[in-house]
Protein backbone atom coordinates (compact mmCIF):
# COMPACT_ATOMS: atom_id res chain seq x y z
CA UNK A 1 57.14 48.64 60.33
CA UNK A 2 55.09 46.52 62.75
CA UNK A 3 51.99 46.60 60.54
CA UNK A 4 54.05 45.41 57.55
CA UNK A 5 55.63 42.57 59.56
CA UNK A 6 52.24 41.43 60.82
CA UNK A 7 50.89 41.53 57.30
CA UNK A 8 53.74 39.48 55.88
CA UNK A 9 53.40 36.88 58.64
CA UNK A 10 49.66 36.60 58.02
CA UNK A 11 50.19 36.36 54.27
CA UNK A 12 52.95 33.78 54.72
CA UNK A 13 50.70 31.54 56.80
CA UNK A 14 47.71 31.97 54.49
CA UNK A 15 49.64 31.22 51.29
CA UNK A 16 51.43 28.23 52.78
CA UNK A 17 54.24 27.83 50.28
CA UNK A 18 58.01 28.14 50.08
CA UNK A 19 59.84 29.25 46.95
CA UNK A 20 63.47 29.23 45.95
CA UNK A 21 63.57 32.51 44.05
CA UNK A 22 66.77 31.72 42.21
CA UNK A 23 65.95 28.29 40.84
CA UNK A 24 63.78 28.01 37.74
CA UNK A 25 61.43 25.08 38.19
CA UNK A 26 60.19 22.55 35.68
CA UNK A 27 57.26 24.76 34.66
CA UNK A 28 59.55 27.47 33.29
CA UNK A 29 59.79 26.07 29.75
CA UNK A 30 56.09 25.26 29.73
CA UNK A 31 55.03 28.78 30.64
CA UNK A 32 57.51 30.41 28.29
CA UNK A 33 56.28 28.27 25.42
CA UNK A 34 52.64 28.87 26.31
CA UNK A 35 52.79 32.64 26.67
CA UNK A 36 55.91 33.68 24.75
CA UNK A 37 54.43 33.60 21.25
CA UNK A 38 51.12 34.49 19.64
CA UNK A 39 50.18 33.37 16.16
CA UNK A 40 49.25 36.19 13.78
CA UNK A 41 46.37 34.27 12.23
CA UNK A 42 44.95 33.63 15.68
CA UNK A 43 45.18 37.33 16.50
CA UNK A 44 43.13 38.11 13.40
CA UNK A 45 40.58 35.44 14.36
CA UNK A 46 40.26 36.91 17.84
CA UNK A 47 39.84 40.40 16.42
CA UNK A 48 36.85 39.10 14.49
CA UNK A 49 35.60 37.25 17.57
CA UNK A 50 35.73 40.47 19.60
CA UNK A 51 33.82 42.27 16.87
CA UNK A 52 31.24 39.46 16.74
CA UNK A 53 30.82 39.65 20.51
CA UNK A 54 30.11 43.36 20.34
CA UNK A 55 27.60 43.11 17.51
CA UNK A 56 25.80 40.17 19.09
CA UNK A 57 25.15 42.38 22.12
CA UNK A 58 24.56 45.59 20.20
CA UNK A 59 22.27 44.18 17.50
CA UNK A 60 20.13 42.37 20.05
CA UNK A 61 19.92 45.49 22.20
CA UNK A 62 18.62 47.42 19.19
CA UNK A 63 16.24 44.61 18.24
CA UNK A 64 14.79 43.73 21.64
CA UNK A 65 15.55 46.53 24.10
CA UNK A 66 15.82 49.93 22.40
CA UNK A 67 14.69 52.56 23.46
CA UNK A 68 15.03 51.13 26.96
CA UNK A 69 18.37 51.62 28.71
CA UNK A 70 19.57 48.04 28.94
CA UNK A 71 19.02 44.60 27.44
CA UNK A 72 17.82 41.57 29.40
CA UNK A 73 19.75 38.97 27.39
CA UNK A 74 17.89 35.90 28.67
CA UNK A 75 14.32 37.14 28.31
CA UNK A 76 15.19 39.24 25.22
CA UNK A 77 13.55 42.33 26.66
CA UNK A 78 14.62 45.81 27.66
CA UNK A 79 14.38 47.68 30.92
CA UNK A 80 14.94 51.25 32.06
CA UNK A 81 14.46 53.24 35.24
CA UNK A 82 12.67 51.30 37.98
CA UNK A 83 9.69 53.57 38.60
CA UNK A 84 7.99 51.02 40.85
CA UNK A 85 10.90 51.01 43.26
CA UNK A 86 12.65 54.41 43.39
CA UNK A 87 15.04 53.15 46.09
CA UNK A 88 16.46 50.52 43.72
CA UNK A 89 19.73 52.39 43.23
CA UNK A 90 21.39 49.34 41.67
CA UNK A 91 19.23 50.08 38.64
CA UNK A 92 18.22 53.71 39.03
CA UNK A 93 21.64 55.26 39.62
CA UNK A 94 22.62 54.59 36.01
CA UNK A 95 19.34 54.10 34.14
CA UNK A 96 17.35 57.24 33.39
CA UNK A 97 15.18 56.26 30.40
CA UNK A 98 17.64 57.88 28.00
CA UNK A 99 18.63 55.03 25.64
CA UNK A 100 21.71 54.44 27.75
CA UNK A 101 23.20 51.45 25.93
CA UNK A 102 22.89 53.18 22.56
CA UNK A 103 24.40 56.49 23.69
CA UNK A 104 27.16 54.81 25.69
CA UNK A 105 28.16 52.78 22.63
CA UNK A 106 28.41 55.51 19.97
CA UNK A 107 32.18 55.87 19.92
CA UNK A 108 32.67 52.09 19.94
CA UNK A 109 30.89 51.97 16.59
CA UNK A 110 33.22 54.65 15.26
CA UNK A 111 36.38 53.02 16.61
CA UNK A 112 35.36 49.79 14.88
CA UNK A 113 35.05 51.76 11.65
CA UNK A 114 31.31 51.22 11.15
CA UNK A 115 30.42 54.62 9.71
CA UNK A 116 26.98 53.51 8.49
CA UNK A 117 25.75 52.36 11.89
CA UNK A 118 27.52 55.17 13.72
CA UNK A 119 25.70 57.77 11.62
CA UNK A 120 22.42 55.91 12.00
CA UNK A 121 22.82 55.69 15.77
CA UNK A 122 23.76 59.37 16.07
CA UNK A 123 20.66 60.34 14.12
CA UNK A 124 18.49 58.20 16.37
CA UNK A 125 19.95 59.97 19.40
CA UNK A 126 19.48 63.41 17.88
CA UNK A 127 15.87 62.67 16.96
CA UNK A 128 14.79 60.90 20.14
CA UNK A 129 16.92 61.67 23.19
CA UNK A 130 15.11 63.61 25.91
CA UNK A 131 15.87 63.87 29.60
CA UNK A 132 13.01 62.95 31.89
CA UNK A 133 12.08 63.43 35.51
CA UNK A 134 14.22 60.58 36.84
CA UNK A 135 16.64 60.67 39.73
CA UNK A 136 20.07 59.37 38.73
CA UNK A 137 23.57 59.34 40.15
CA UNK A 138 25.69 62.32 39.08
CA UNK A 139 28.78 60.16 38.64
CA UNK A 140 27.11 57.48 36.50
CA UNK A 141 25.26 59.85 34.19
CA UNK A 142 28.42 61.92 33.75
CA UNK A 143 30.76 59.12 32.76
CA UNK A 144 28.22 57.15 30.71
CA UNK A 145 25.97 59.73 29.07
CA UNK A 146 27.81 63.06 29.13
CA UNK A 147 31.14 61.50 28.17
CA UNK A 148 29.54 59.52 25.35
CA UNK A 149 27.81 62.55 23.83
CA UNK A 150 31.01 64.58 23.93
CA UNK A 151 33.16 61.80 22.48
CA UNK A 152 30.77 61.21 19.58
CA UNK A 153 30.57 64.95 18.92
CA UNK A 154 34.35 65.20 18.76
CA UNK A 155 34.55 62.24 16.37
CA UNK A 156 31.96 63.76 14.04
CA UNK A 157 33.66 67.16 13.96
CA UNK A 158 37.25 65.89 13.66
CA UNK A 159 38.53 67.36 10.40
CA UNK A 160 40.96 64.48 9.88
CA UNK A 161 38.31 61.73 10.28
CA UNK A 162 40.86 59.10 11.42
CA UNK A 163 38.30 56.31 11.97
CA UNK A 164 36.80 56.61 8.50
CA UNK A 165 34.16 59.01 7.32
CA UNK A 166 32.13 59.65 10.50
CA UNK A 167 31.10 63.17 9.52
CA UNK A 168 27.38 63.76 9.15
CA UNK A 169 26.09 66.15 6.48
CA UNK A 170 24.13 68.97 8.08
CA UNK A 171 25.35 68.16 11.57
CA UNK A 172 24.84 71.29 13.66
CA UNK A 173 26.46 70.37 16.98
CA UNK A 174 23.31 68.62 18.18
CA UNK A 175 25.20 66.19 20.42
CA UNK A 176 27.06 69.09 22.02
CA UNK A 177 23.75 70.83 22.68
CA UNK A 178 22.40 67.64 24.26
CA UNK A 179 25.54 67.45 26.41
CA UNK A 180 25.01 71.07 27.46
CA UNK A 181 21.38 70.31 28.28
CA UNK A 182 22.41 67.34 30.40
CA UNK A 183 25.23 69.21 32.11
CA UNK A 184 22.85 72.01 33.07
CA UNK A 185 20.55 69.46 34.68
CA UNK A 186 23.44 68.14 36.78
CA UNK A 187 24.54 71.51 38.14
CA UNK A 188 21.98 71.65 41.00
CA UNK A 189 23.91 68.80 42.63
CA UNK A 190 26.77 71.23 43.30
CA UNK A 191 24.59 73.89 44.87
CA UNK A 192 23.65 74.22 48.54
CA UNK A 193 26.53 72.05 49.78
CA UNK A 194 28.76 73.65 52.37
CA UNK A 195 31.86 71.89 51.04
CA UNK A 196 31.22 72.43 47.32
CA UNK A 197 31.29 68.66 46.92
CA UNK A 198 28.17 67.58 44.99
CA UNK A 199 25.19 65.61 46.15
CA UNK A 200 25.40 62.05 44.84
CA UNK A 201 22.06 62.16 43.00
CA UNK A 202 19.94 64.63 41.09
CA UNK A 203 16.55 64.58 39.40
CA UNK A 204 17.03 65.55 35.77
CA UNK A 205 14.00 67.85 35.85
CA UNK A 206 13.62 68.95 39.45
CA UNK A 207 17.12 69.14 40.87
CA UNK A 208 18.28 67.52 44.09
CA UNK A 209 15.51 65.41 45.69
CA UNK A 210 14.41 66.47 49.15
CA UNK A 211 15.31 63.06 50.54
CA UNK A 212 18.79 62.89 48.99
CA UNK A 213 21.49 61.70 51.36
CA UNK A 214 24.31 64.04 52.38
CA UNK A 215 27.06 61.46 51.88
CA UNK A 216 29.05 60.63 48.78
CA UNK A 217 32.14 58.63 47.88
CA UNK A 218 35.50 60.02 46.83
CA UNK A 219 35.39 58.69 43.29
CA UNK A 220 31.76 59.69 42.81
CA UNK A 221 32.47 63.32 43.64
CA UNK A 222 35.98 63.53 42.21
CA UNK A 223 35.60 61.84 38.82
CA UNK A 224 33.83 64.56 36.88
CA UNK A 225 36.58 66.88 35.67
CA UNK A 226 37.31 65.32 32.28
CA UNK A 227 33.73 65.45 31.04
CA UNK A 228 32.81 68.74 32.72
CA UNK A 229 35.96 70.54 31.61
CA UNK A 230 35.72 69.34 28.00
CA UNK A 231 32.12 70.60 27.96
CA UNK A 232 33.20 73.96 29.38
CA UNK A 233 36.03 74.43 26.93
CA UNK A 234 33.93 73.46 23.93
CA UNK A 235 31.18 75.87 24.99
CA UNK A 236 33.40 78.64 26.33
CA UNK A 237 31.43 78.48 29.59
CA UNK A 238 33.49 77.99 32.79
CA UNK A 239 30.61 76.91 35.02
CA UNK A 240 30.94 73.15 34.53
CA UNK A 241 34.69 72.97 34.92
CA UNK A 242 34.73 75.34 37.89
CA UNK A 243 32.21 73.22 39.81
CA UNK A 244 34.02 69.95 39.07
CA UNK A 245 37.44 71.36 39.94
CA UNK A 246 36.14 72.89 43.16
CA UNK A 247 34.91 69.46 44.22
CA UNK A 248 38.32 67.88 43.55
CA UNK A 249 40.27 70.61 45.35
CA UNK A 250 37.98 70.51 48.36
CA UNK A 251 38.22 66.71 48.54
CA UNK A 252 41.98 67.03 48.41
CA UNK A 253 41.97 69.46 51.31
CA UNK A 254 40.13 66.87 53.40
CA UNK A 255 42.82 64.20 53.19
CA UNK A 256 44.42 63.03 56.43
CA UNK A 257 47.05 65.41 57.79
CA UNK A 258 48.87 62.35 59.17
CA UNK A 259 49.04 59.97 56.21
CA UNK A 260 47.87 62.11 53.29
CA UNK A 261 45.23 59.49 52.45
CA UNK A 262 41.59 60.08 51.56
CA UNK A 263 38.71 58.10 52.98
CA UNK A 264 35.94 56.43 51.02
CA UNK A 265 32.75 58.24 52.10
CA UNK A 266 32.22 61.75 53.47
CA UNK A 267 29.46 64.12 54.49
CA UNK A 268 29.15 66.88 51.88
CA UNK A 269 27.84 69.38 54.44
CA UNK A 270 30.30 68.86 57.28
CA UNK A 271 33.30 67.50 55.40
CA UNK A 272 33.59 64.66 57.93
CA UNK A 273 34.63 61.23 56.74
CA UNK A 274 31.97 58.63 57.49
CA UNK A 275 33.94 55.92 55.71
CA UNK A 276 37.60 55.97 56.70
CA UNK A 277 38.89 53.12 54.57
CA UNK A 278 41.43 54.08 51.92
CA UNK A 279 42.04 51.82 48.94
CA UNK A 280 42.22 51.56 45.16
CA UNK A 281 38.90 49.89 44.44
CA UNK A 282 35.28 50.99 44.65
CA UNK A 283 34.91 54.48 46.07
CA UNK A 284 38.46 55.55 45.21
CA UNK A 285 39.67 54.14 41.90
CA UNK A 286 38.72 56.73 39.30
CA UNK A 287 39.53 59.70 41.55
CA UNK A 288 43.25 59.00 41.15
CA UNK A 289 42.78 58.09 37.48
CA UNK A 290 41.28 61.51 36.74
CA UNK A 291 44.01 63.44 38.53
CA UNK A 292 46.53 62.08 36.03
CA UNK A 293 44.29 62.13 32.97
CA UNK A 294 43.14 65.66 33.72
CA UNK A 295 46.75 66.81 33.58
CA UNK A 296 47.32 64.94 30.34
CA UNK A 297 44.26 66.44 28.68
CA UNK A 298 44.32 69.99 30.05
CA UNK A 299 47.92 70.57 31.10
CA UNK A 300 46.99 71.87 34.57
CA UNK A 301 50.14 71.37 36.63
CA UNK A 302 48.16 71.27 39.88
CA UNK A 303 46.49 68.05 38.73
CA UNK A 304 49.87 66.40 38.19
CA UNK A 305 51.15 67.58 41.56
CA UNK A 306 48.14 66.08 43.31
CA UNK A 307 48.52 62.82 41.42
CA UNK A 308 52.24 62.51 42.14
CA UNK A 309 51.69 63.13 45.83
CA UNK A 310 48.80 60.66 45.92
CA UNK A 311 50.81 58.02 44.05
CA UNK A 312 53.72 58.14 46.45
CA UNK A 313 51.38 58.14 49.43
CA UNK A 314 49.55 55.09 48.08
CA UNK A 315 52.77 53.16 47.52
CA UNK A 316 54.00 54.01 51.01
CA UNK A 317 50.82 53.16 52.96
CA UNK A 318 48.89 50.63 50.84
CA UNK A 319 51.59 48.52 49.21
CA UNK A 320 52.72 45.29 50.84
CA UNK A 321 55.14 42.59 49.70
CA UNK A 322 58.64 42.69 48.22
CA UNK A 323 60.15 45.98 47.18
CA UNK A 324 60.44 45.22 43.46
CA UNK A 325 58.05 43.37 41.21
CA UNK A 326 60.68 41.38 39.29
CA UNK A 327 63.61 41.38 41.67
CA UNK A 328 64.48 40.25 45.17
CA UNK A 329 62.84 37.91 47.63
CA UNK A 330 59.58 38.21 49.46
CA UNK A 331 55.91 37.91 48.83
CA UNK A 332 53.94 39.23 45.84
CA UNK A 333 53.28 42.97 45.81
CA UNK A 334 49.72 43.73 46.90
CA UNK A 335 47.82 46.96 47.47
CA UNK A 336 45.52 46.56 50.47
CA UNK A 337 42.75 48.58 52.09
CA UNK A 338 43.95 50.66 55.04
CA UNK A 339 42.66 53.17 57.58
CA UNK A 340 43.09 56.65 56.18
CA UNK A 341 44.47 58.06 59.45
CA UNK A 342 46.97 55.33 60.33
CA UNK A 343 47.76 53.28 57.23
CA UNK A 344 46.90 50.08 59.12
CA UNK A 345 45.33 47.23 57.13
CA UNK A 346 41.58 47.23 57.84
CA UNK A 347 40.37 44.14 55.96
CA UNK A 348 41.59 41.25 53.83
CA UNK A 349 39.84 41.85 50.53
CA UNK A 350 40.38 43.58 47.22
CA UNK A 351 37.64 44.31 44.70
CA UNK A 352 37.39 44.00 40.94
CA UNK A 353 37.49 47.76 40.27
CA UNK A 354 41.06 47.78 41.56
CA UNK A 355 42.00 45.85 38.41
CA UNK A 356 42.04 49.21 36.61
CA UNK A 357 44.98 50.40 38.74
CA UNK A 358 47.65 48.72 36.55
CA UNK A 359 46.37 50.75 33.61
CA UNK A 360 46.92 53.94 35.59
CA UNK A 361 50.40 52.74 36.53
CA UNK A 362 51.15 52.21 32.83
CA UNK A 363 50.03 55.73 32.04
CA UNK A 364 52.30 56.96 34.81
CA UNK A 365 55.22 55.02 33.34
CA UNK A 366 55.51 52.59 36.25
CA UNK A 367 55.48 49.55 33.96
CA UNK A 368 57.22 47.03 36.20
CA UNK A 369 54.86 47.77 39.06
CA UNK A 370 51.88 47.53 36.70
CA UNK A 371 53.02 44.06 35.60
CA UNK A 372 52.73 42.71 39.15
CA UNK A 373 49.49 44.55 39.91
CA UNK A 374 47.91 43.10 36.77
CA UNK A 375 49.22 39.56 37.32
CA UNK A 376 47.39 39.24 40.64
CA UNK A 377 44.01 39.95 39.07
CA UNK A 378 44.76 37.78 36.04
CA UNK A 379 45.44 34.76 38.22
CA UNK A 380 42.23 35.35 40.15
CA UNK A 381 40.41 35.42 36.80
CA UNK A 382 42.25 32.29 35.71
CA UNK A 383 41.20 30.39 38.81
CA UNK A 384 37.49 31.26 38.64
CA UNK A 385 36.98 31.98 34.96
CA UNK A 386 35.88 35.51 35.85
CA UNK A 387 36.83 38.23 38.30
CA UNK A 388 34.65 38.09 41.43
CA UNK A 389 33.45 41.45 42.67
CA UNK A 390 35.39 41.00 45.90
CA UNK A 391 38.23 38.56 46.68
CA UNK A 392 39.66 37.71 50.12
CA UNK A 393 43.42 37.44 49.68
CA UNK A 394 43.88 35.99 53.17
CA UNK A 395 41.40 33.12 52.81
CA UNK A 396 41.98 32.89 49.04
CA UNK A 397 38.26 32.81 48.24
CA UNK A 398 35.71 35.16 46.65
CA UNK A 399 33.65 37.15 49.14
CA UNK A 400 31.23 38.73 46.65
CA UNK A 401 30.61 36.24 43.88
CA UNK A 402 29.14 38.12 40.93
CA UNK A 403 30.85 39.46 37.79
CA UNK A 404 28.79 42.01 35.81
CA UNK A 405 31.03 41.88 32.69
CA UNK A 406 33.28 44.62 34.04
CA UNK A 407 36.08 45.97 31.80
CA UNK A 408 38.81 46.81 34.32
CA UNK A 409 41.02 43.74 33.84
CA UNK A 410 40.86 43.80 30.05
CA UNK A 411 41.48 47.57 30.15
CA UNK A 412 44.73 47.07 32.07
CA UNK A 413 45.61 44.13 29.81
CA UNK A 414 45.20 46.39 26.78
CA UNK A 415 47.38 49.17 28.18
CA UNK A 416 50.10 46.76 29.27
CA UNK A 417 50.17 45.21 25.82
CA UNK A 418 50.45 48.63 24.23
CA UNK A 419 53.34 49.49 26.57
CA UNK A 420 55.28 46.21 26.28
CA UNK A 421 53.98 44.42 23.15
CA UNK A 422 54.47 41.23 25.15
CA UNK A 423 52.36 38.39 23.66
CA UNK A 424 51.47 37.28 27.19
CA UNK A 425 48.77 39.96 27.23
CA UNK A 426 47.24 38.68 24.00
CA UNK A 427 46.92 35.30 25.70
CA UNK A 428 45.21 36.97 28.65
CA UNK A 429 42.78 38.72 26.31
CA UNK A 430 42.09 35.43 24.55
CA UNK A 431 41.17 33.76 27.85
CA UNK A 432 38.90 36.63 28.82
CA UNK A 433 37.12 36.64 25.48
CA UNK A 434 36.69 32.87 25.42
CA UNK A 435 35.37 32.70 28.97
CA UNK A 436 32.77 35.39 28.32
CA UNK A 437 31.66 33.59 25.16
CA UNK A 438 31.59 30.20 26.87
CA UNK A 439 29.85 31.04 30.13
CA UNK A 440 28.09 34.42 29.82
CA UNK A 441 26.47 34.24 26.38
CA UNK A 442 22.69 33.93 26.39
CA UNK A 443 19.84 33.90 23.88
CA UNK A 444 20.24 37.52 22.86
CA UNK A 445 23.25 38.98 24.60
CA UNK A 446 25.76 38.56 27.40
CA UNK A 447 24.76 38.16 31.04
CA UNK A 448 26.03 39.24 34.40
CA UNK A 449 27.60 36.20 36.06
CA UNK A 450 25.77 35.78 39.36
CA UNK A 451 28.28 33.36 40.86
CA UNK A 452 31.81 32.86 39.52
CA UNK A 453 31.94 29.41 41.12
CA UNK A 454 28.74 27.96 39.67
CA UNK A 455 28.58 30.22 36.56
CA UNK A 456 24.92 30.95 37.32
CA UNK A 457 23.74 33.96 35.29
CA UNK A 458 21.66 37.08 35.89
CA UNK A 459 19.44 38.57 33.20
CA UNK A 460 21.28 41.88 32.78
CA UNK A 461 23.77 43.30 30.29
CA UNK A 462 25.09 46.62 31.58
CA UNK A 463 25.96 49.36 29.10
CA UNK A 464 29.65 49.30 29.96
CA UNK A 465 29.97 45.84 28.44
CA UNK A 466 29.47 47.35 24.97
CA UNK A 467 31.11 50.67 25.76
CA UNK A 468 34.25 49.33 27.44
CA UNK A 469 34.70 45.58 27.70
CA UNK A 470 34.10 44.88 24.01
CA UNK A 471 35.98 48.03 22.99
CA UNK A 472 39.16 47.12 24.88
CA UNK A 473 39.03 43.51 23.66
CA UNK A 474 38.69 44.72 20.08
CA UNK A 475 41.52 47.24 20.42
CA UNK A 476 43.79 44.65 22.04
CA UNK A 477 43.68 42.54 18.88
CA UNK A 478 43.46 45.36 16.32
CA UNK A 479 47.10 46.20 15.69
CA UNK A 480 46.24 48.64 12.90
CA UNK A 481 43.60 50.68 14.71
CA UNK A 482 44.18 54.43 14.63
CA UNK A 483 44.04 54.59 18.43
CA UNK A 484 46.89 52.09 18.69
CA UNK A 485 49.05 53.78 16.11
CA UNK A 486 48.48 57.21 17.66
CA UNK A 487 48.11 56.39 21.35
CA UNK A 488 49.71 59.67 22.42
CA UNK A 489 46.89 61.66 20.83
CA UNK A 490 44.00 60.34 22.93
CA UNK A 491 42.82 59.85 26.49
CA UNK A 492 40.26 57.26 27.54
CA UNK A 493 37.73 58.35 30.14
CA UNK A 494 36.88 56.03 33.00
CA UNK A 495 33.96 54.77 30.89
CA UNK A 496 36.25 54.09 27.93
CA UNK A 497 35.17 57.10 25.86
CA UNK A 498 37.92 58.71 23.80
CA UNK A 499 38.87 62.38 23.96
CA UNK A 500 41.56 63.75 21.63
CA UNK A 501 44.52 65.50 23.23
CA UNK A 502 43.91 68.76 21.46
CA UNK A 503 45.24 72.28 21.93
CA UNK A 504 41.64 73.47 22.29
CA UNK A 505 41.53 71.77 25.66
CA UNK A 506 44.60 73.57 26.98
CA UNK A 507 43.02 76.95 26.49
CA UNK A 508 40.28 78.41 28.66
CA UNK A 509 38.26 80.50 26.20
CA UNK A 510 36.90 82.68 28.99
CA UNK A 511 40.42 83.75 29.98
CA UNK A 512 41.80 86.16 27.37
CA UNK A 513 45.05 86.64 29.29
CA UNK A 514 46.56 83.38 28.08
CA UNK A 515 49.16 83.81 25.41
CA UNK A 516 49.80 81.65 22.39
CA UNK A 517 53.25 80.86 23.81
CA UNK A 518 51.77 79.43 27.02
CA UNK A 519 49.44 77.32 24.95
CA UNK A 520 52.35 75.84 22.98
CA UNK A 521 54.30 75.19 26.19
CA UNK A 522 51.34 73.36 27.69
CA UNK A 523 50.95 71.21 24.57
CA UNK A 524 54.62 70.24 24.70
CA UNK A 525 54.48 69.30 28.39
CA UNK A 526 51.38 67.20 28.03
CA UNK A 527 52.53 65.36 24.93
CA UNK A 528 55.70 64.34 26.78
CA UNK A 529 53.63 62.53 29.39
CA UNK A 530 51.37 60.37 27.31
CA UNK A 531 53.47 58.62 24.70
CA UNK A 532 52.83 55.20 26.19
CA UNK A 533 52.88 53.38 22.87
CA UNK A 534 56.61 53.86 22.31
CA UNK A 535 57.53 53.94 26.02
CA UNK A 536 58.99 57.44 25.90
CA UNK A 537 57.06 59.00 28.77
CA UNK A 538 59.04 61.12 31.16
CA UNK A 539 58.44 58.65 33.98
CA UNK A 540 59.00 55.37 32.08
CA UNK A 541 61.90 53.16 33.04
CA UNK A 542 63.36 51.25 30.13
CA UNK A 543 61.61 47.89 29.82
CA UNK A 544 64.16 45.05 29.78
CA UNK A 545 64.20 42.98 26.60
CA UNK A 546 63.22 39.80 28.43
CA UNK A 547 59.98 41.49 29.51
CA UNK A 548 59.11 42.03 25.86
CA UNK A 549 59.87 38.50 24.66
CA UNK A 550 59.36 36.23 27.67
CA UNK A 551 57.00 36.30 30.61
CA UNK A 552 56.52 39.89 31.81
CA UNK A 553 56.59 38.49 35.34
CA UNK A 554 59.74 36.40 35.73
CA UNK A 555 59.08 32.72 36.03
CA UNK A 556 59.78 32.25 39.77
CA UNK A 557 57.43 35.09 40.62
CA UNK A 558 54.91 33.84 38.07
CA UNK A 559 54.84 30.44 39.78
CA UNK A 560 54.78 32.09 43.20
CA UNK A 561 51.68 34.09 42.39
CA UNK A 562 49.95 31.08 40.85
CA UNK A 563 50.53 29.19 44.09
CA UNK A 564 49.36 32.15 46.14
CA UNK A 565 45.98 32.17 44.38
CA UNK A 566 45.74 28.38 44.57
CA UNK A 567 46.19 27.47 40.91
CA UNK A 568 47.66 24.01 40.42
């Protein structure tokens, strides 16, 4: 209780405002008129604008950068692994000289219905992709490369072809074989660790480097199950899934026996936490995401039990502010960083990766809570034009200024729109799209924003901009897309790749003891969880009508949060 009181007092002083929660101020009508309606013709224009944004980046990557991993959009060049500076993990963790931006983007081409370019890109990958002697991060190569290869393979082999004709004559599972090849090269990371939690990096030819560190983060080690288990179940080989699940279970066993929280960094040999901060941003975010999505995709009840326990623990120890998002008095709900052993607040910042948390809350059916979580990050974006990498909520200023075109805020915006159909979220998407076009567009692509205050740019376009940011913007405005009409049939990975919720993935081919009846039962359970589009999930509260037609965050709280961030 004391830590919450101290927090509220600090927040009260830092925000410096007083609000009558039961009196609608003069801005009510203005905000309702601004956000309460979205013109259909404008939606169609923005759909085209999102498509144009993607192809401006993609076409220039293919023209100036391929076969390098990424595009330098100012110099109109490409770059790959930094061989001159092996310790440059900012580049080398993700870039392995494997045509990253092309591979990462395959399913975006399909989702946009471009069968010609999708087939062309797949053929390029089949003909040219090889894995070289480069040291990369297990987490990054899994979510970007392995997930992309599997998603494209599943799209090609889908008998229904829901995105148009993406089948390739003579296709012989080449992308699946490439995924198997890559997965095999990642397995040494799981060997020779006393905890079963993988090394953070691996050389794709020679295994774990002799100088590899023995520490890894929670999300890095615990966000592998979706890709590894899909690979296992497609191949009928349990090795990948067993290694990934062992890492998750062993991480779970290392949570605090006092709070139930996990830290951020641990030693994979001793199991000791070297980083004891617990939060929802970098180092943690996708770990919780994959607990829930793993249950949805595979129907493993243990995954859901872990997620439910984690979710309640997070809300108890990390959440500050009033009890309800849209009711009562008090300060805006905020999830803070705490000490894993005590639950005490350890710093005053949140980071941009935490903007994905509202999307997870939507998937869990906690829509009202997601509305408030999302609104905080939207107002930070609104104030600076972008989302700074780290924001100090006490001082109300960015601490880490850059924005590398991350997708997390638009991802949550997309999921909240699908859950509520509130036009407010189309307005948010419009602002995001326009700001990127206005401030981040360069000669041949879109740039990392070096400083959200000055809008100074860096000459780098990371692969996730095409794979995720553009994809979610496009889907937000594409009402008729197959993914939007059949949301309950797919799961997005943490890199935005799509996996179908398919009965194949609720059967372990190496276990012949499973019965057909158990398979059907698992399908039924999982399908009941994921029907976000029509708000019929087992955990969804009914969304009040005013949240569908007016501001999702009631006007007094809307104005309160604007004031809290310092927006006039």
